[in-house]
Amino acid sequence: MISSYELNAPKLQPGDILAISITADDIRATQPFNQISPYQGVNGTIQPTNPFIPTYAIDVNGDIDFPKLGKIRIAGKTRTQAMDFLRNEVSKYIIDPGVSMEVRNFRVTVLGEVRNPGTFSVNNDRITVLEALGLAGDLTINGVRKNVLVIREQNGNKREFRLDLTKRESLNSPVYYLAQNDVIYVEPNGARVQSSKYTQNTSVFVSIGGVIISVIAVLTR
């Protein structure tokens, strides 16, 4: 049975920055596939640690320029699919290779009635709407949980999705697991809107009152 995450996993897209390293039992066989071998020490010795992982940007055509393999198309694939694809290509040269891949510039933005709105960098591409709201300090008391807006760019077009976080059905939404550059907006409730209008009107009345008082002061000198 396919999980909700696998069904709605975010797809890689142009502009993504990927950290990719190739490993194998024969360490030296991986060196042509790594810009700088993750096993290479500063003095040329082989080390078990991984001090450097090469990064690759997906270009406007959806390709990365990978050592030995050249241009390969990975946009439109999930990270898991891209790893499997790359592993299959590298296995033509290396026996039983391992592939590590991370999206280094995965970001989501949370705005509106949350405690700490902003843009947040995420270490992996498996983050839910609830986790993103947690990064933003959760909704304020004035936030509407039943109509949370998620804006996603797909194929150059902006799409809007609405989530009712009070219902279990939201867990099956195609945007419950967020994609790169998703924007979450939590709208204010009625009380917040009315309060805002009251504050604005009060400011206007105070300003008008100040002008009137100033005029009267000038005329009665």
N, C-alpha and C. Protein backbone atom coordinates (compact mmCIF):
# COMPACT_ATOMS: atom_id res chain seq x y z
N MET A 1 0.85 -1.20 0.00
CA MET A 1 0.00 0.00 0.00
C MET A 1 0.88 1.24 0.00
N ILE A 2 0.57 2.20 -0.91
CA ILE A 2 1.36 3.42 -1.03
C ILE A 2 0.98 4.39 0.09
N SER A 3 1.97 4.94 0.79
CA SER A 3 1.71 5.87 1.88
C SER A 3 1.32 7.23 1.32
N SER A 4 0.73 8.06 2.20
CA SER A 4 0.32 9.41 1.79
C SER A 4 1.54 10.21 1.34
N TYR A 5 2.66 10.02 2.03
CA TYR A 5 3.86 10.76 1.65
C TYR A 5 4.35 10.35 0.27
N GLU A 6 4.40 9.05 0.01
CA GLU A 6 4.87 8.57 -1.29
C GLU A 6 3.96 9.05 -2.41
N LEU A 7 2.66 9.15 -2.11
CA LEU A 7 1.70 9.57 -3.11
C LEU A 7 1.85 11.06 -3.43
N ASN A 8 2.16 11.86 -2.41
CA ASN A 8 2.23 13.31 -2.58
C ASN A 8 3.62 13.89 -2.35
N ALA A 9 4.65 13.05 -2.44
CA ALA A 9 6.02 13.51 -2.21
C ALA A 9 6.38 14.62 -3.19
N PRO A 10 7.07 15.68 -2.73
CA PRO A 10 7.43 16.79 -3.62
C PRO A 10 8.38 16.34 -4.72
N LYS A 11 8.23 16.96 -5.87
CA LYS A 11 9.07 16.65 -7.03
C LYS A 11 10.24 17.64 -7.10
N LEU A 12 11.37 17.15 -7.55
CA LEU A 12 12.51 18.03 -7.79
C LEU A 12 12.18 18.98 -8.94
N GLN A 13 12.73 20.20 -8.88
CA GLN A 13 12.41 21.19 -9.88
C GLN A 13 13.62 22.06 -10.18
N PRO A 14 13.60 22.75 -11.35
CA PRO A 14 14.72 23.64 -11.68
C PRO A 14 14.98 24.64 -10.55
N GLY A 15 16.25 24.86 -10.27
CA GLY A 15 16.62 25.77 -9.18
C GLY A 15 16.98 25.06 -7.90
N ASP A 16 16.58 23.80 -7.76
CA ASP A 16 16.93 23.04 -6.57
C ASP A 16 18.45 22.80 -6.54
N ILE A 17 19.02 22.89 -5.36
CA ILE A 17 20.43 22.60 -5.15
C ILE A 17 20.54 21.26 -4.44
N LEU A 18 21.20 20.31 -5.08
CA LEU A 18 21.29 18.95 -4.54
C LEU A 18 22.71 18.63 -4.11
N ALA A 19 22.82 18.06 -2.92
CA ALA A 19 24.10 17.52 -2.46
C ALA A 19 24.08 16.03 -2.74
N ILE A 20 25.00 15.58 -3.60
CA ILE A 20 24.99 14.18 -4.03
C ILE A 20 26.38 13.57 -3.84
N SER A 21 26.43 12.41 -3.24
CA SER A 21 27.68 11.68 -3.15
C SER A 21 27.44 10.22 -3.51
N ILE A 22 28.45 9.62 -4.12
CA ILE A 22 28.39 8.22 -4.53
C ILE A 22 29.35 7.42 -3.66
N THR A 23 28.90 6.30 -3.13
CA THR A 23 29.74 5.45 -2.30
C THR A 23 29.71 4.02 -2.84
N ALA A 24 30.70 3.24 -2.44
CA ALA A 24 30.79 1.84 -2.83
C ALA A 24 31.85 1.16 -1.99
N ASP A 25 31.87 -0.16 -2.02
CA ASP A 25 32.90 -0.90 -1.29
C ASP A 25 34.29 -0.55 -1.82
N ASP A 26 34.39 -0.39 -3.14
CA ASP A 26 35.65 0.03 -3.75
C ASP A 26 35.66 1.56 -3.76
N ILE A 27 36.25 2.15 -2.74
CA ILE A 27 36.22 3.60 -2.56
C ILE A 27 36.79 4.35 -3.75
N ARG A 28 37.91 3.88 -4.27
CA ARG A 28 38.57 4.60 -5.36
C ARG A 28 37.74 4.60 -6.63
N ALA A 29 36.86 3.63 -6.79
CA ALA A 29 36.01 3.57 -7.98
C ALA A 29 34.97 4.70 -7.99
N THR A 30 34.69 5.28 -6.82
CA THR A 30 33.69 6.35 -6.76
C THR A 30 34.26 7.72 -7.11
N GLN A 31 35.58 7.86 -7.09
CA GLN A 31 36.19 9.17 -7.26
C GLN A 31 35.80 9.88 -8.57
N PRO A 32 35.68 9.19 -9.70
CA PRO A 32 35.28 9.89 -10.93
C PRO A 32 33.87 10.48 -10.87
N PHE A 33 33.04 10.00 -9.93
CA PHE A 33 31.66 10.47 -9.84
C PHE A 33 31.48 11.57 -8.80
N ASN A 34 32.53 11.86 -8.06
CA ASN A 34 32.47 12.91 -7.05
C ASN A 34 33.43 14.02 -7.43
N GLN A 35 32.95 15.27 -7.40
CA GLN A 35 33.81 16.40 -7.73
C GLN A 35 35.07 16.38 -6.88
N ILE A 36 34.86 16.15 -5.60
CA ILE A 36 35.97 15.91 -4.67
C ILE A 36 35.56 14.70 -3.86
N SER A 37 36.38 13.69 -3.84
CA SER A 37 36.00 12.46 -3.17
C SER A 37 35.67 12.71 -1.71
N PRO A 38 34.50 12.27 -1.23
CA PRO A 38 34.14 12.46 0.17
C PRO A 38 35.03 11.67 1.11
N TYR A 39 35.91 10.84 0.57
CA TYR A 39 36.80 10.04 1.40
C TYR A 39 38.24 10.56 1.37
N GLN A 40 38.45 11.68 0.62
CA GLN A 40 39.81 12.15 0.40
C GLN A 40 40.22 13.13 1.50
N GLY A 41 41.27 12.87 2.19
CA GLY A 41 41.80 13.76 3.20
C GLY A 41 42.67 14.83 2.56
N VAL A 42 43.03 15.85 3.33
CA VAL A 42 43.83 16.95 2.78
C VAL A 42 45.22 16.49 2.40
N ASN A 43 45.70 15.41 2.98
CA ASN A 43 47.03 14.91 2.66
C ASN A 43 46.98 13.73 1.68
N GLY A 44 45.78 13.52 1.09
CA GLY A 44 45.66 12.46 0.09
C GLY A 44 45.32 11.11 0.66
N THR A 45 45.15 11.01 1.97
CA THR A 45 44.83 9.72 2.57
C THR A 45 43.33 9.47 2.54
N ILE A 46 42.95 8.23 2.55
CA ILE A 46 41.53 7.86 2.55
C ILE A 46 41.00 7.95 3.98
N GLN A 47 39.88 8.65 4.13
CA GLN A 47 39.29 8.82 5.45
C GLN A 47 37.86 8.30 5.44
N PRO A 48 37.38 7.78 6.57
CA PRO A 48 36.03 7.24 6.63
C PRO A 48 34.96 8.31 6.76
N THR A 49 35.36 9.54 7.10
CA THR A 49 34.38 10.60 7.28
C THR A 49 33.99 11.21 5.95
N ASN A 50 33.03 12.14 5.99
CA ASN A 50 32.51 12.73 4.76
C ASN A 50 32.56 14.25 4.86
N PRO A 51 33.77 14.87 4.78
CA PRO A 51 33.92 16.29 5.03
C PRO A 51 33.31 17.16 3.94
N PHE A 52 33.12 16.63 2.74
CA PHE A 52 32.60 17.46 1.66
C PHE A 52 31.70 16.64 0.75
N ILE A 53 30.52 17.17 0.47
CA ILE A 53 29.61 16.53 -0.46
C ILE A 53 29.37 17.49 -1.61
N PRO A 54 29.66 17.09 -2.84
CA PRO A 54 29.47 17.98 -3.99
C PRO A 54 28.01 18.40 -4.14
N THR A 55 27.78 19.60 -4.64
CA THR A 55 26.42 20.08 -4.88
C THR A 55 26.20 20.35 -6.36
N TYR A 56 24.96 20.18 -6.79
CA TYR A 56 24.60 20.35 -8.20
C TYR A 56 23.28 21.11 -8.28
N ALA A 57 23.21 22.08 -9.19
CA ALA A 57 21.98 22.85 -9.39
C ALA A 57 21.21 22.28 -10.58
N ILE A 58 19.92 22.10 -10.40
CA ILE A 58 19.08 21.66 -11.51
C ILE A 58 18.84 22.86 -12.42
N ASP A 59 19.22 22.76 -13.68
CA ASP A 59 19.10 23.90 -14.60
C ASP A 59 17.66 24.07 -15.10
N VAL A 60 17.46 25.07 -15.96
CA VAL A 60 16.11 25.40 -16.42
C VAL A 60 15.49 24.26 -17.23
N ASN A 61 16.33 23.38 -17.76
CA ASN A 61 15.83 22.25 -18.53
C ASN A 61 15.51 21.03 -17.66
N GLY A 62 15.81 21.15 -16.36
CA GLY A 62 15.54 20.04 -15.45
C GLY A 62 16.69 19.06 -15.34
N ASP A 63 17.89 19.47 -15.81
CA ASP A 63 19.05 18.58 -15.81
C ASP A 63 20.09 18.99 -14.77
N ILE A 64 20.92 18.04 -14.37
CA ILE A 64 22.16 18.33 -13.66
C ILE A 64 23.31 17.79 -14.50
N ASP A 65 24.46 18.43 -14.38
CA ASP A 65 25.65 17.98 -15.10
C ASP A 65 26.47 17.16 -14.13
N PHE A 66 26.35 15.84 -14.23
CA PHE A 66 26.98 14.95 -13.25
C PHE A 66 28.26 14.36 -13.82
N PRO A 67 29.33 14.31 -12.99
CA PRO A 67 30.60 13.75 -13.47
C PRO A 67 30.42 12.36 -14.07
N LYS A 68 31.11 12.12 -15.14
CA LYS A 68 31.13 10.83 -15.83
C LYS A 68 29.86 10.58 -16.65
N LEU A 69 28.70 10.97 -16.09
CA LEU A 69 27.43 10.70 -16.75
C LEU A 69 26.99 11.83 -17.67
N GLY A 70 27.48 13.05 -17.42
CA GLY A 70 27.06 14.20 -18.21
C GLY A 70 25.70 14.70 -17.79
N LYS A 71 24.93 15.25 -18.73
CA LYS A 71 23.61 15.81 -18.43
C LYS A 71 22.60 14.68 -18.19
N ILE A 72 21.95 14.74 -17.04
CA ILE A 72 20.90 13.76 -16.75
C ILE A 72 19.67 14.51 -16.24
N ARG A 73 18.51 14.08 -16.70
CA ARG A 73 17.24 14.74 -16.36
C ARG A 73 16.68 14.15 -15.07
N ILE A 74 16.52 15.01 -14.05
CA ILE A 74 15.95 14.51 -12.79
C ILE A 74 14.79 15.36 -12.29
N ALA A 75 14.58 16.53 -12.87
CA ALA A 75 13.42 17.34 -12.48
C ALA A 75 12.15 16.56 -12.78
N GLY A 76 11.15 16.71 -11.91
CA GLY A 76 9.90 15.98 -12.08
C GLY A 76 9.89 14.66 -11.33
N LYS A 77 11.05 14.25 -10.83
CA LYS A 77 11.14 13.02 -10.03
C LYS A 77 11.13 13.40 -8.55
N THR A 78 10.67 12.49 -7.71
CA THR A 78 10.85 12.69 -6.28
C THR A 78 12.33 12.43 -5.96
N ARG A 79 12.74 12.82 -4.77
CA ARG A 79 14.14 12.59 -4.40
C ARG A 79 14.45 11.09 -4.42
N THR A 80 13.53 10.28 -3.95
CA THR A 80 13.74 8.83 -3.94
C THR A 80 13.87 8.28 -5.36
N GLN A 81 13.00 8.75 -6.23
CA GLN A 81 13.06 8.32 -7.63
C GLN A 81 14.36 8.74 -8.29
N ALA A 82 14.80 9.97 -7.98
CA ALA A 82 16.05 10.47 -8.56
C ALA A 82 17.25 9.65 -8.07
N MET A 83 17.23 9.27 -6.80
CA MET A 83 18.31 8.44 -6.25
C MET A 83 18.34 7.08 -6.92
N ASP A 84 17.16 6.49 -7.12
CA ASP A 84 17.10 5.18 -7.79
C ASP A 84 17.60 5.28 -9.23
N PHE A 85 17.20 6.36 -9.90
CA PHE A 85 17.63 6.57 -11.29
C PHE A 85 19.14 6.73 -11.37
N LEU A 86 19.69 7.56 -10.48
CA LEU A 86 21.13 7.80 -10.48
C LEU A 86 21.89 6.53 -10.11
N ARG A 87 21.37 5.78 -9.16
CA ARG A 87 22.01 4.53 -8.76
C ARG A 87 22.06 3.56 -9.94
N ASN A 88 21.01 3.51 -10.72
CA ASN A 88 20.96 2.63 -11.88
C ASN A 88 22.00 3.04 -12.93
N GLU A 89 22.17 4.35 -13.12
CA GLU A 89 23.14 4.84 -14.11
C GLU A 89 24.57 4.57 -13.66
N VAL A 90 24.83 4.82 -12.38
CA VAL A 90 26.19 4.63 -11.85
C VAL A 90 26.55 3.15 -11.80
N SER A 91 25.55 2.29 -11.61
CA SER A 91 25.82 0.85 -11.51
C SER A 91 26.35 0.27 -12.83
N LYS A 92 26.31 1.04 -13.90
CA LYS A 92 26.90 0.60 -15.16
C LYS A 92 28.43 0.64 -15.09
N TYR A 93 28.93 1.37 -14.08
CA TYR A 93 30.38 1.53 -13.93
C TYR A 93 30.90 0.98 -12.61
N ILE A 94 30.04 0.93 -11.58
CA ILE A 94 30.45 0.51 -10.24
C ILE A 94 29.53 -0.61 -9.76
N ILE A 95 30.10 -1.57 -9.08
CA ILE A 95 29.30 -2.65 -8.51
C ILE A 95 28.62 -2.19 -7.24
N ASP A 96 27.29 -2.32 -7.21
CA ASP A 96 26.48 -2.04 -6.02
C ASP A 96 26.79 -0.66 -5.42
N PRO A 97 26.59 0.43 -6.16
CA PRO A 97 26.87 1.76 -5.62
C PRO A 97 25.78 2.24 -4.66
N GLY A 98 26.17 3.15 -3.78
CA GLY A 98 25.22 3.82 -2.91
C GLY A 98 25.09 5.27 -3.33
N VAL A 99 23.91 5.84 -3.18
CA VAL A 99 23.68 7.23 -3.57
C VAL A 99 23.07 7.99 -2.39
N SER A 100 23.70 9.10 -2.04
CA SER A 100 23.16 9.99 -1.02
C SER A 100 22.75 11.30 -1.70
N MET A 101 21.55 11.77 -1.43
CA MET A 101 21.06 13.00 -2.07
C MET A 101 20.24 13.81 -1.08
N GLU A 102 20.56 15.09 -0.97
CA GLU A 102 19.81 16.00 -0.11
C GLU A 102 19.50 17.28 -0.88
N VAL A 103 18.33 17.84 -0.63
CA VAL A 103 17.98 19.15 -1.20
C VAL A 103 18.49 20.21 -0.23
N ARG A 104 19.48 20.99 -0.66
CA ARG A 104 20.13 21.93 0.25
C ARG A 104 19.42 23.27 0.37
N ASN A 105 18.55 23.61 -0.57
CA ASN A 105 17.88 24.92 -0.50
C ASN A 105 16.38 24.78 -0.34
N PHE A 106 15.95 23.72 0.35
CA PHE A 106 14.53 23.49 0.56
C PHE A 106 14.01 24.52 1.58
N ARG A 107 13.07 25.34 1.15
CA ARG A 107 12.54 26.40 2.01
C ARG A 107 11.02 26.43 1.91
N VAL A 108 10.40 26.84 3.01
CA VAL A 108 8.96 27.10 3.02
C VAL A 108 8.74 28.43 3.74
N THR A 109 7.67 29.12 3.38
CA THR A 109 7.36 30.41 3.98
C THR A 109 6.02 30.32 4.68
N VAL A 110 5.97 30.85 5.91
CA VAL A 110 4.74 30.85 6.70
C VAL A 110 4.40 32.29 7.06
N LEU A 111 3.21 32.74 6.66
CA LEU A 111 2.79 34.12 6.87
C LEU A 111 1.43 34.18 7.55
N GLY A 112 1.05 35.38 7.97
CA GLY A 112 -0.27 35.58 8.55
C GLY A 112 -0.28 35.47 10.06
N GLU A 113 -1.36 34.90 10.59
CA GLU A 113 -1.55 34.84 12.04
C GLU A 113 -0.79 33.68 12.68
N VAL A 114 0.54 33.80 12.67
CA VAL A 114 1.43 32.88 13.38
C VAL A 114 2.36 33.73 14.25
N ARG A 115 2.97 33.11 15.23
CA ARG A 115 3.77 33.87 16.18
C ARG A 115 5.07 34.40 15.58
N ASN A 116 5.69 33.61 14.71
CA ASN A 116 6.96 34.03 14.13
C ASN A 116 6.96 33.80 12.62
N PRO A 117 6.27 34.66 11.86
CA PRO A 117 6.23 34.48 10.41
C PRO A 117 7.61 34.62 9.79
N GLY A 118 7.82 33.94 8.67
CA GLY A 118 9.11 34.04 8.00
C GLY A 118 9.33 32.90 7.04
N THR A 119 10.53 32.86 6.46
CA THR A 119 10.94 31.79 5.57
C THR A 119 11.90 30.88 6.30
N PHE A 120 11.67 29.58 6.22
CA PHE A 120 12.43 28.61 6.99
C PHE A 120 13.13 27.61 6.07
N SER A 121 14.43 27.41 6.31
CA SER A 121 15.18 26.38 5.59
C SER A 121 14.99 25.05 6.29
N VAL A 122 14.83 24.00 5.51
CA VAL A 122 14.56 22.67 6.05
C VAL A 122 15.65 21.71 5.61
N ASN A 123 16.09 20.85 6.52
CA ASN A 123 17.20 19.93 6.22
C ASN A 123 16.81 18.80 5.28
N ASN A 124 15.54 18.52 5.15
CA ASN A 124 15.10 17.47 4.22
C ASN A 124 13.80 17.90 3.59
N ASP A 125 13.31 17.11 2.64
CA ASP A 125 12.11 17.50 1.91
C ASP A 125 10.85 16.84 2.46
N ARG A 126 10.94 16.29 3.64
CA ARG A 126 9.77 15.65 4.24
C ARG A 126 9.28 16.48 5.42
N ILE A 127 8.51 17.51 5.12
CA ILE A 127 7.98 18.38 6.16
C ILE A 127 6.49 18.60 5.88
N THR A 128 5.70 18.55 6.93
CA THR A 128 4.25 18.71 6.79
C THR A 128 3.84 20.15 7.10
N VAL A 129 2.60 20.46 6.77
CA VAL A 129 2.05 21.77 7.09
C VAL A 129 2.12 22.02 8.59
N LEU A 130 1.78 21.02 9.39
CA LEU A 130 1.79 21.17 10.84
C LEU A 130 3.20 21.44 11.35
N GLU A 131 4.19 20.76 10.79
CA GLU A 131 5.57 20.97 11.21
C GLU A 131 6.04 22.38 10.83
N ALA A 132 5.63 22.85 9.66
CA ALA A 132 6.00 24.20 9.24
C ALA A 132 5.37 25.25 10.15
N LEU A 133 4.12 25.03 10.53
CA LEU A 133 3.47 25.94 11.47
C LEU A 133 4.17 25.91 12.82
N GLY A 134 4.67 24.73 13.19
CA GLY A 134 5.44 24.62 14.43
C GLY A 134 6.72 25.44 14.37
N LEU A 135 7.39 25.45 13.21
CA LEU A 135 8.58 26.27 13.05
C LEU A 135 8.27 27.75 13.22
N ALA A 136 7.05 28.13 12.83
CA ALA A 136 6.63 29.53 12.93
C ALA A 136 5.99 29.84 14.28
N GLY A 137 6.11 28.92 15.23
CA GLY A 137 5.60 29.18 16.58
C GLY A 137 4.13 28.90 16.76
N ASP A 138 3.49 28.23 15.78
CA ASP A 138 2.06 27.87 15.82
C ASP A 138 1.19 29.10 15.55
N LEU A 139 -0.10 28.84 15.35
CA LEU A 139 -1.04 29.92 15.08
C LEU A 139 -1.24 30.78 16.33
N THR A 140 -1.52 32.05 16.13
CA THR A 140 -1.92 32.90 17.24
C THR A 140 -3.37 32.59 17.58
N ILE A 141 -3.86 33.18 18.64
CA ILE A 141 -5.25 32.95 19.05
C ILE A 141 -6.23 33.48 18.00
N ASN A 142 -5.73 34.36 17.12
CA ASN A 142 -6.58 34.95 16.10
C ASN A 142 -6.53 34.22 14.75
N GLY A 143 -5.75 33.15 14.66
CA GLY A 143 -5.60 32.44 13.40
C GLY A 143 -6.76 31.50 13.13
N VAL A 144 -7.16 31.39 11.86
CA VAL A 144 -8.26 30.51 11.45
C VAL A 144 -7.69 29.16 11.05
N ARG A 145 -7.97 28.13 11.81
CA ARG A 145 -7.44 26.79 11.55
C ARG A 145 -8.23 26.05 10.46
N LYS A 146 -9.44 26.52 10.19
CA LYS A 146 -10.30 25.79 9.26
C LYS A 146 -10.12 26.20 7.81
N ASN A 147 -9.25 27.16 7.54
CA ASN A 147 -9.13 27.63 6.15
C ASN A 147 -7.70 28.10 5.87
N VAL A 148 -6.74 27.23 6.14
CA VAL A 148 -5.33 27.58 5.93
C VAL A 148 -5.01 27.48 4.43
N LEU A 149 -4.39 28.53 3.92
CA LEU A 149 -4.07 28.59 2.49
C LEU A 149 -2.64 28.12 2.23
N VAL A 150 -2.47 27.24 1.25
CA VAL A 150 -1.14 26.82 0.80
C VAL A 150 -1.02 27.19 -0.68
N ILE A 151 0.00 27.97 -1.00
CA ILE A 151 0.25 28.38 -2.39
C ILE A 151 1.44 27.60 -2.91
N ARG A 152 1.24 26.93 -4.03
CA ARG A 152 2.30 26.09 -4.61
C ARG A 152 2.48 26.42 -6.09
N GLU A 153 3.73 26.49 -6.51
CA GLU A 153 4.01 26.70 -7.93
C GLU A 153 4.22 25.36 -8.61
N GLN A 154 3.45 25.13 -9.66
CA GLN A 154 3.55 23.90 -10.43
C GLN A 154 3.60 24.23 -11.92
N ASN A 155 4.69 23.83 -12.56
CA ASN A 155 4.86 24.08 -13.98
C ASN A 155 4.73 25.57 -14.32
N GLY A 156 5.27 26.40 -13.45
CA GLY A 156 5.26 27.84 -13.69
C GLY A 156 3.97 28.54 -13.31
N ASN A 157 2.99 27.81 -12.79
CA ASN A 157 1.71 28.40 -12.40
C ASN A 157 1.49 28.28 -10.89
N LYS A 158 0.90 29.33 -10.32
CA LYS A 158 0.58 29.32 -8.90
C LYS A 158 -0.77 28.64 -8.68
N ARG A 159 -0.81 27.69 -7.75
CA ARG A 159 -2.06 27.03 -7.39
C ARG A 159 -2.35 27.24 -5.91
N GLU A 160 -3.62 27.37 -5.58
CA GLU A 160 -4.03 27.58 -4.20
C GLU A 160 -4.78 26.36 -3.67
N PHE A 161 -4.45 25.98 -2.45
CA PHE A 161 -5.11 24.85 -1.79
C PHE A 161 -5.57 25.32 -0.41
N ARG A 162 -6.71 24.83 0.02
CA ARG A 162 -7.24 25.17 1.34
C ARG A 162 -7.28 23.94 2.22
N LEU A 163 -6.85 24.11 3.48
CA LEU A 163 -6.82 23.00 4.43
C LEU A 163 -7.63 23.36 5.67
N ASP A 164 -8.45 22.43 6.11
CA ASP A 164 -9.14 22.55 7.39
C ASP A 164 -8.37 21.68 8.38
N LEU A 165 -7.54 22.31 9.19
CA LEU A 165 -6.68 21.56 10.09
C LEU A 165 -7.43 20.94 11.26
N THR A 166 -8.72 21.22 11.36
CA THR A 166 -9.51 20.60 12.43
C THR A 166 -10.09 19.27 11.98
N LYS A 167 -9.90 18.93 10.69
CA LYS A 167 -10.46 17.69 10.16
C LYS A 167 -9.35 16.73 9.74
N ARG A 168 -9.61 15.46 9.94
CA ARG A 168 -8.64 14.42 9.62
C ARG A 168 -8.34 14.35 8.11
N GLU A 169 -9.31 14.78 7.30
CA GLU A 169 -9.13 14.72 5.86
C GLU A 169 -7.94 15.54 5.38
N SER A 170 -7.53 16.53 6.16
CA SER A 170 -6.40 17.38 5.76
C SER A 170 -5.11 16.57 5.64
N LEU A 171 -5.04 15.43 6.34
CA LEU A 171 -3.83 14.59 6.29
C LEU A 171 -3.65 13.97 4.91
N ASN A 172 -4.72 13.89 4.14
CA ASN A 172 -4.66 13.28 2.81
C ASN A 172 -4.57 14.32 1.69
N SER A 173 -4.45 15.58 2.06
CA SER A 173 -4.36 16.64 1.06
C SER A 173 -3.05 16.51 0.28
N PRO A 174 -3.04 16.86 -1.01
CA PRO A 174 -1.80 16.80 -1.80
C PRO A 174 -0.75 17.80 -1.33
N VAL A 175 -1.14 18.76 -0.47
CA VAL A 175 -0.17 19.73 0.03
C VAL A 175 0.10 19.56 1.52
N TYR A 176 -0.41 18.47 2.12
CA TYR A 176 -0.10 18.24 3.53
C TYR A 176 1.40 18.09 3.71
N TYR A 177 2.05 17.36 2.79
CA TYR A 177 3.51 17.35 2.74
C TYR A 177 3.94 18.47 1.81
N LEU A 178 4.74 19.37 2.31
CA LEU A 178 5.07 20.58 1.57
C LEU A 178 6.15 20.33 0.51
N ALA A 179 6.14 21.17 -0.51
CA ALA A 179 7.14 21.14 -1.57
C ALA A 179 8.01 22.38 -1.45
N GLN A 180 9.12 22.36 -2.17
CA GLN A 180 10.04 23.48 -2.21
C GLN A 180 9.32 24.79 -2.54
N ASN A 181 9.57 25.83 -1.71
CA ASN A 181 9.04 27.19 -1.92
C ASN A 181 7.54 27.32 -1.70
N ASP A 182 6.90 26.34 -1.05
CA ASP A 182 5.49 26.50 -0.71
C ASP A 182 5.31 27.67 0.24
N VAL A 183 4.17 28.34 0.13
CA VAL A 183 3.83 29.45 1.03
C VAL A 183 2.55 29.09 1.77
N ILE A 184 2.60 29.19 3.10
CA ILE A 184 1.43 28.94 3.94
C ILE A 184 0.94 30.28 4.48
N TYR A 185 -0.36 30.53 4.34
CA TYR A 185 -0.93 31.77 4.88
C TYR A 185 -2.09 31.44 5.81
N VAL A 186 -1.99 31.95 7.04
CA VAL A 186 -3.05 31.75 8.03
C VAL A 186 -3.82 33.06 8.14
N GLU A 187 -5.09 33.03 7.75
CA GLU A 187 -5.87 34.26 7.76
C GLU A 187 -6.37 34.59 9.16
N PRO A 188 -6.65 35.88 9.43
CA PRO A 188 -7.15 36.28 10.75
C PRO A 188 -8.64 35.99 10.88
N ASN A 189 -9.09 35.77 12.11
CA ASN A 189 -10.51 35.56 12.34
C ASN A 189 -11.26 36.89 12.35
N GLY A 190 -12.59 36.80 12.48
CA GLY A 190 -13.40 38.01 12.42
C GLY A 190 -13.06 39.01 13.49
N ALA A 191 -12.78 38.54 14.70
CA ALA A 191 -12.47 39.45 15.79
C ALA A 191 -11.21 40.24 15.49
N ARG A 192 -10.23 39.57 14.90
CA ARG A 192 -8.97 40.23 14.57
C ARG A 192 -9.19 41.30 13.50
N VAL A 193 -10.02 40.97 12.50
CA VAL A 193 -10.29 41.93 11.43
C VAL A 193 -11.00 43.15 11.98
N GLN A 194 -12.02 42.93 12.82
CA GLN A 194 -12.76 44.04 13.41
C GLN A 194 -11.86 44.90 14.29
N SER A 195 -10.97 44.24 15.04
CA SER A 195 -10.05 44.96 15.91
C SER A 195 -9.12 45.84 15.08
N SER A 196 -8.67 45.29 13.96
CA SER A 196 -7.78 46.05 13.09
C SER A 196 -8.49 47.29 12.53
N LYS A 197 -9.77 47.11 12.11
CA LYS A 197 -10.53 48.24 11.59
C LYS A 197 -10.75 49.29 12.66
N TYR A 198 -11.03 48.83 13.88
CA TYR A 198 -11.26 49.75 14.99
C TYR A 198 -10.00 50.56 15.27
N THR A 199 -8.85 49.88 15.26
CA THR A 199 -7.58 50.56 15.53
C THR A 199 -7.29 51.60 14.47
N GLN A 200 -7.56 51.26 13.19
CA GLN A 200 -7.32 52.19 12.10
C GLN A 200 -8.24 53.40 12.22
N ASN A 201 -9.54 53.16 12.51
CA ASN A 201 -10.49 54.26 12.63
C ASN A 201 -10.15 55.16 13.80
N THR A 202 -9.72 54.52 14.90
CA THR A 202 -9.34 55.29 16.07
C THR A 202 -8.17 56.22 15.75
N SER A 203 -7.20 55.70 14.99
CA SER A 203 -6.03 56.50 14.61
C SER A 203 -6.46 57.70 13.77
N VAL A 204 -7.43 57.47 12.87
CA VAL A 204 -7.92 58.56 12.02
C VAL A 204 -8.61 59.61 12.85
N PHE A 205 -9.48 59.15 13.80
CA PHE A 205 -10.20 60.10 14.65
C PHE A 205 -9.24 60.90 15.52
N VAL A 206 -8.23 60.25 16.04
CA VAL A 206 -7.25 60.94 16.87
C VAL A 206 -6.52 62.00 16.06
N SER A 207 -6.16 61.66 14.81
CA SER A 207 -5.46 62.60 13.95
C SER A 207 -6.34 63.80 13.64
N ILE A 208 -7.63 63.53 13.30
CA ILE A 208 -8.56 64.63 12.99
C ILE A 208 -8.76 65.50 14.22
N GLY A 209 -8.91 64.84 15.40
CA GLY A 209 -9.09 65.60 16.62
C GLY A 209 -7.91 66.51 16.90
N GLY A 210 -6.69 65.99 16.63
CA GLY A 210 -5.50 66.79 16.84
C GLY A 210 -5.46 68.01 15.95
N VAL A 211 -5.90 67.85 14.70
CA VAL A 211 -5.92 68.97 13.76
C VAL A 211 -6.92 70.02 14.22
N ILE A 212 -8.10 69.57 14.66
CA ILE A 212 -9.14 70.50 15.11
C ILE A 212 -8.65 71.31 16.30
N ILE A 213 -8.02 70.63 17.25
CA ILE A 213 -7.52 71.32 18.45
C ILE A 213 -6.47 72.35 18.05
N SER A 214 -5.60 71.99 17.11
CA SER A 214 -4.56 72.91 16.66
C SER A 214 -5.16 74.14 16.01
N VAL A 215 -6.21 73.94 15.17
CA VAL A 215 -6.88 75.06 14.50
C VAL A 215 -7.52 76.00 15.52
N ILE A 216 -8.22 75.37 16.50
CA ILE A 216 -8.90 76.19 17.54
C ILE A 216 -7.86 76.99 18.31
N ALA A 217 -6.72 76.38 18.63
CA ALA A 217 -5.68 77.06 19.38
C ALA A 217 -5.16 78.27 18.62
N VAL A 218 -5.02 78.12 17.30
CA VAL A 218 -4.52 79.22 16.48
C VAL A 218 -5.53 80.35 16.40
N LEU A 219 -6.84 80.01 16.25
CA LEU A 219 -7.89 81.02 16.08
C LEU A 219 -8.18 81.79 17.36
N THR A 220 -7.88 81.19 18.52
CA THR A 220 -8.21 81.85 19.81
C THR A 220 -7.04 82.56 20.42
N ARG A 221 -5.91 82.64 19.69
CA ARG A 221 -4.75 83.37 20.24
C ARG A 221 -5.04 84.86 20.31
